[in-house]
Amino acid sequence: MKYLLSIIICLLSLAACKKATIKSVNTNNSKDSLTYQPKVAGSKWVYKRTIGGIQNTTYTFVRLAADTLAYGSTFQTFSSDDNATNQVNQYIRQDGDKYYNILTASSNKIQLLILDAAKNINESWLGAVNGTDTYTYTMKDKIPSYVLDGFTFKNVLVVHLERTGPNPLSGDTYYAQGIGQVQSIGTVNAGGANLSARIKLITLDLK
């Protein structure tokens, strides 16, 4: 039993060491170079999600041609195969410097203010309240030039999220101008245990 446990620990350690790296970033002179969420149909992002130091999910995010009306506003529709068995659409809209998405994992499908690019460093805002969960965001940093895996991203906003409630969540998301989400680093609570979590861009192909 000890021998088997040692093998498992070694395998987990090896898996944790194989960190995902960015493979390609093709902006193709997209007309959305000034936004923090490009929205031209056909644009595609591929992300790797790592929980507890073990890579377990690669998923694709694609801007669809369709738009969706919700909360009296028009949201751009994105497909996401983040769910292992079902392809789930995501909905994002921009209103000036503010970016909203719909929390599709919630039964209430609430609207979240996930980014306010006009906020100064250390300024906070309420994203939304969803039942017993409260989403609070803070502008943690604004980085003119940010290098990740040898790729340089311009005008990166670092936004810190604190979700309080039965299943707390804490983390930082890096948004690059003209690119969107580059990475998110934080912790999630699973079964009463806090686990490290990271989402990282692997490939990007903008239209």
Protein backbone atom coordinates (compact mmCIF):
# COMPACT_ATOMS: atom_id res chain seq x y z
CA MET A 1 0.00 0.00 0.00
CA LYS A 2 2.87 2.37 0.88
CA TYR A 3 4.52 1.56 -2.46
CA LEU A 4 1.32 2.24 -4.38
CA LEU A 5 0.81 5.54 -2.54
CA SER A 6 4.37 6.59 -3.38
CA ILE A 7 3.76 5.91 -7.08
CA ILE A 8 0.56 7.97 -7.02
CA ILE A 9 2.33 10.89 -5.32
CA CYS A 10 5.13 10.76 -7.91
CA LEU A 11 2.66 10.73 -10.78
CA LEU A 12 0.79 13.69 -9.33
CA SER A 13 4.05 15.57 -8.92
CA LEU A 14 5.01 14.92 -12.53
CA ALA A 15 1.59 16.07 -13.73
CA ALA A 16 1.86 19.23 -11.70
CA CYS A 17 5.26 20.04 -13.22
CA LYS A 18 3.95 19.92 -16.79
CA LYS A 19 2.74 23.48 -16.86
CA ALA A 20 0.73 24.64 -19.84
CA THR A 21 2.38 27.36 -21.90
CA ILE A 22 1.00 29.74 -24.49
CA LYS A 23 1.45 28.31 -27.99
CA SER A 24 0.19 31.06 -30.29
CA VAL A 25 -1.44 34.49 -30.20
CA ASN A 26 -2.85 35.62 -33.54
CA THR A 27 -4.59 39.00 -33.33
CA ASN A 28 -4.81 39.37 -37.14
CA ASN A 29 -5.11 43.15 -36.78
CA SER A 30 -8.56 42.69 -35.29
CA LYS A 31 -10.75 45.79 -35.22
CA ASP A 32 -11.37 45.03 -31.53
CA SER A 33 -7.84 46.05 -30.52
CA LEU A 34 -9.06 48.53 -27.87
CA THR A 35 -11.59 46.36 -26.07
CA TYR A 36 -11.01 43.93 -23.22
CA GLN A 37 -13.36 41.39 -24.79
CA PRO A 38 -13.05 41.06 -28.59
CA LYS A 39 -16.39 40.18 -30.11
CA VAL A 40 -15.91 39.59 -33.86
CA ALA A 41 -17.68 36.38 -34.88
CA GLY A 42 -15.36 33.42 -35.35
CA SER A 43 -12.71 34.59 -32.88
CA LYS A 44 -11.44 31.66 -30.82
CA TRP A 45 -9.64 31.29 -27.47
CA VAL A 46 -8.33 27.99 -26.07
CA TYR A 47 -7.70 27.78 -22.32
CA LYS A 48 -6.16 25.24 -19.96
CA ARG A 49 -7.67 24.94 -16.48
CA THR A 50 -5.62 23.45 -13.65
CA ILE A 51 -7.07 22.54 -10.24
CA GLY A 52 -4.91 21.47 -7.31
CA GLY A 53 -1.75 21.51 -9.44
CA ILE A 54 -3.03 18.87 -11.86
CA GLN A 55 -3.98 19.81 -15.41
CA ASN A 56 -7.43 18.45 -16.08
CA THR A 57 -9.35 20.53 -18.61
CA THR A 58 -8.70 22.21 -21.93
CA TYR A 59 -11.63 24.15 -23.33
CA THR A 60 -12.44 26.37 -26.29
CA PHE A 61 -14.23 29.70 -26.27
CA VAL A 62 -15.66 30.89 -29.61
CA ARG A 63 -17.56 34.05 -30.52
CA LEU A 64 -20.75 33.07 -32.33
CA ALA A 65 -22.55 35.24 -34.85
CA ALA A 66 -25.69 35.43 -32.73
CA ASP A 67 -26.52 37.97 -30.03
CA THR A 68 -28.86 37.48 -27.07
CA LEU A 69 -31.26 39.89 -25.41
CA ALA A 70 -31.28 39.78 -21.59
CA TYR A 71 -31.84 42.31 -18.81
CA GLY A 72 -32.94 44.80 -21.45
CA SER A 73 -29.50 44.72 -23.12
CA THR A 74 -27.79 42.90 -25.97
CA PHE A 75 -25.19 40.30 -25.01
CA GLN A 76 -22.73 38.75 -27.43
CA THR A 77 -22.96 34.96 -27.47
CA PHE A 78 -19.92 32.71 -27.08
CA SER A 79 -19.82 28.93 -27.17
CA SER A 80 -17.81 27.18 -24.47
CA ASP A 81 -17.10 23.48 -24.15
CA ASP A 82 -15.87 23.96 -20.58
CA ASN A 83 -18.44 21.38 -19.47
CA ALA A 84 -17.11 17.86 -20.12
CA THR A 85 -20.39 16.59 -21.55
CA ASN A 86 -22.30 19.60 -22.81
CA GLN A 87 -21.45 22.68 -24.82
CA VAL A 88 -22.66 25.68 -22.85
CA ASN A 89 -23.09 29.17 -24.28
CA GLN A 90 -21.75 32.20 -22.42
CA TYR A 91 -23.04 35.76 -22.70
CA ILE A 92 -20.94 38.93 -22.41
CA ARG A 93 -21.69 42.58 -23.10
CA GLN A 94 -19.73 45.81 -22.99
CA ASP A 95 -21.18 49.13 -21.85
CA GLY A 96 -18.42 51.72 -22.16
CA ASP A 97 -15.69 50.67 -19.72
CA LYS A 98 -17.93 48.12 -18.02
CA TYR A 99 -18.12 44.45 -18.95
CA TYR A 100 -20.93 42.14 -17.84
CA ASN A 101 -21.55 38.44 -18.17
CA ILE A 102 -24.42 36.17 -17.23
CA LEU A 103 -23.66 33.60 -14.56
CA THR A 104 -24.95 30.61 -16.50
CA ALA A 105 -23.95 28.15 -13.75
CA SER A 106 -26.51 29.79 -11.46
CA SER A 107 -30.19 28.85 -11.58
CA ASN A 108 -30.96 32.59 -11.33
CA LYS A 109 -28.77 33.43 -14.36
CA ILE A 110 -27.79 36.72 -12.75
CA GLN A 111 -25.87 39.49 -14.49
CA LEU A 112 -22.33 40.08 -13.15
CA LEU A 113 -20.27 43.24 -13.57
CA ILE A 114 -16.92 41.45 -13.94
CA LEU A 115 -14.77 44.35 -15.12
CA ASP A 116 -14.84 48.13 -14.80
CA ALA A 117 -11.81 49.35 -16.74
CA ALA A 118 -12.33 52.93 -15.51
CA LYS A 119 -11.65 52.01 -11.88
CA ASN A 120 -8.37 53.12 -10.34
CA ILE A 121 -6.01 50.71 -8.60
CA ASN A 122 -7.46 49.54 -5.24
CA GLU A 123 -10.99 50.71 -6.13
CA SER A 124 -13.70 48.08 -5.67
CA TRP A 125 -17.22 47.46 -6.97
CA LEU A 126 -20.07 45.07 -6.32
CA GLY A 127 -20.39 42.58 -9.15
CA ALA A 128 -23.68 41.09 -7.96
CA VAL A 129 -25.41 39.22 -5.17
CA ASN A 130 -26.61 35.72 -6.01
CA GLY A 131 -28.57 34.21 -3.14
CA THR A 132 -26.03 33.78 -0.32
CA ASP A 133 -23.06 34.55 -2.59
CA THR A 134 -21.65 38.07 -2.94
CA TYR A 135 -19.23 38.89 -5.75
CA THR A 136 -16.87 41.80 -5.00
CA TYR A 137 -14.22 42.94 -7.47
CA THR A 138 -11.17 45.17 -6.96
CA MET A 139 -8.85 46.71 -9.55
CA LYS A 140 -5.57 45.27 -8.26
CA ASP A 141 -3.14 46.54 -10.89
CA LYS A 142 -2.78 48.15 -14.31
CA ILE A 143 0.26 46.90 -16.22
CA PRO A 144 1.30 48.74 -19.43
CA SER A 145 3.35 45.79 -20.71
CA TYR A 146 2.98 42.25 -19.33
CA VAL A 147 5.13 39.32 -20.51
CA LEU A 148 3.83 35.76 -20.17
CA ASP A 149 5.55 32.76 -21.78
CA GLY A 150 7.49 35.10 -24.04
CA PHE A 151 4.37 36.86 -25.34
CA THR A 152 3.92 40.56 -24.55
CA PHE A 153 0.44 41.81 -23.73
CA LYS A 154 -0.39 45.50 -23.61
CA ASN A 155 -2.46 47.44 -21.06
CA VAL A 156 -3.24 44.50 -18.79
CA LEU A 157 -5.80 44.97 -16.02
CA VAL A 158 -5.54 42.72 -12.97
CA VAL A 159 -8.90 42.29 -11.26
CA HIS A 160 -9.26 40.56 -7.90
CA LEU A 161 -12.48 38.66 -7.12
CA GLU A 162 -13.76 37.70 -3.69
CA ARG A 163 -16.86 35.53 -3.65
CA THR A 164 -18.23 35.12 -0.14
CA GLY A 165 -20.80 32.49 0.80
CA PRO A 166 -21.00 28.73 1.33
CA ASN A 167 -18.46 28.07 -1.45
CA PRO A 168 -15.95 30.94 -1.28
CA LEU A 169 -13.69 31.76 -4.18
CA SER A 170 -10.75 34.15 -4.45
CA GLY A 171 -8.53 35.01 -7.38
CA ASP A 172 -6.96 37.44 -9.81
CA THR A 173 -7.87 37.67 -13.49
CA TYR A 174 -5.58 39.30 -16.05
CA TYR A 175 -7.34 41.03 -18.95
CA ALA A 176 -5.21 42.23 -21.86
CA GLN A 177 -6.45 44.99 -24.16
CA GLY A 178 -7.41 43.59 -27.54
CA ILE A 179 -7.11 40.01 -26.22
CA GLY A 180 -9.46 39.41 -23.30
CA GLN A 181 -8.71 37.02 -20.45
CA VAL A 182 -5.06 35.94 -20.40
CA GLN A 183 -5.07 34.05 -17.14
CA SER A 184 -6.79 33.68 -13.77
CA ILE A 185 -5.00 32.55 -10.60
CA GLY A 186 -6.68 31.82 -7.27
CA THR A 187 -8.26 29.28 -4.97
CA VAL A 188 -11.53 27.38 -4.99
CA ASN A 189 -13.26 25.51 -2.20
CA ALA A 190 -14.08 21.89 -2.99
CA GLY A 191 -15.50 19.60 -0.33
CA GLY A 192 -14.30 21.92 2.42
CA ALA A 193 -10.74 22.04 1.10
CA ASN A 194 -9.09 25.04 -0.57
CA LEU A 195 -7.42 24.10 -3.85
CA SER A 196 -5.21 26.16 -6.11
CA ALA A 197 -6.80 27.04 -9.45
CA ARG A 198 -5.44 28.52 -12.65
CA ILE A 199 -6.92 29.25 -16.04
CA LYS A 200 -4.43 30.17 -18.74
CA LEU A 201 -4.68 31.14 -22.40
CA ILE A 202 -3.10 28.55 -24.70
CA THR A 203 -3.98 29.74 -28.19
CA LEU A 204 -5.78 32.76 -29.61
CA ASP A 205 -7.08 33.39 -33.12
CA LEU A 206 -8.95 36.66 -33.53
CA LYS A 207 -10.96 37.68 -36.57
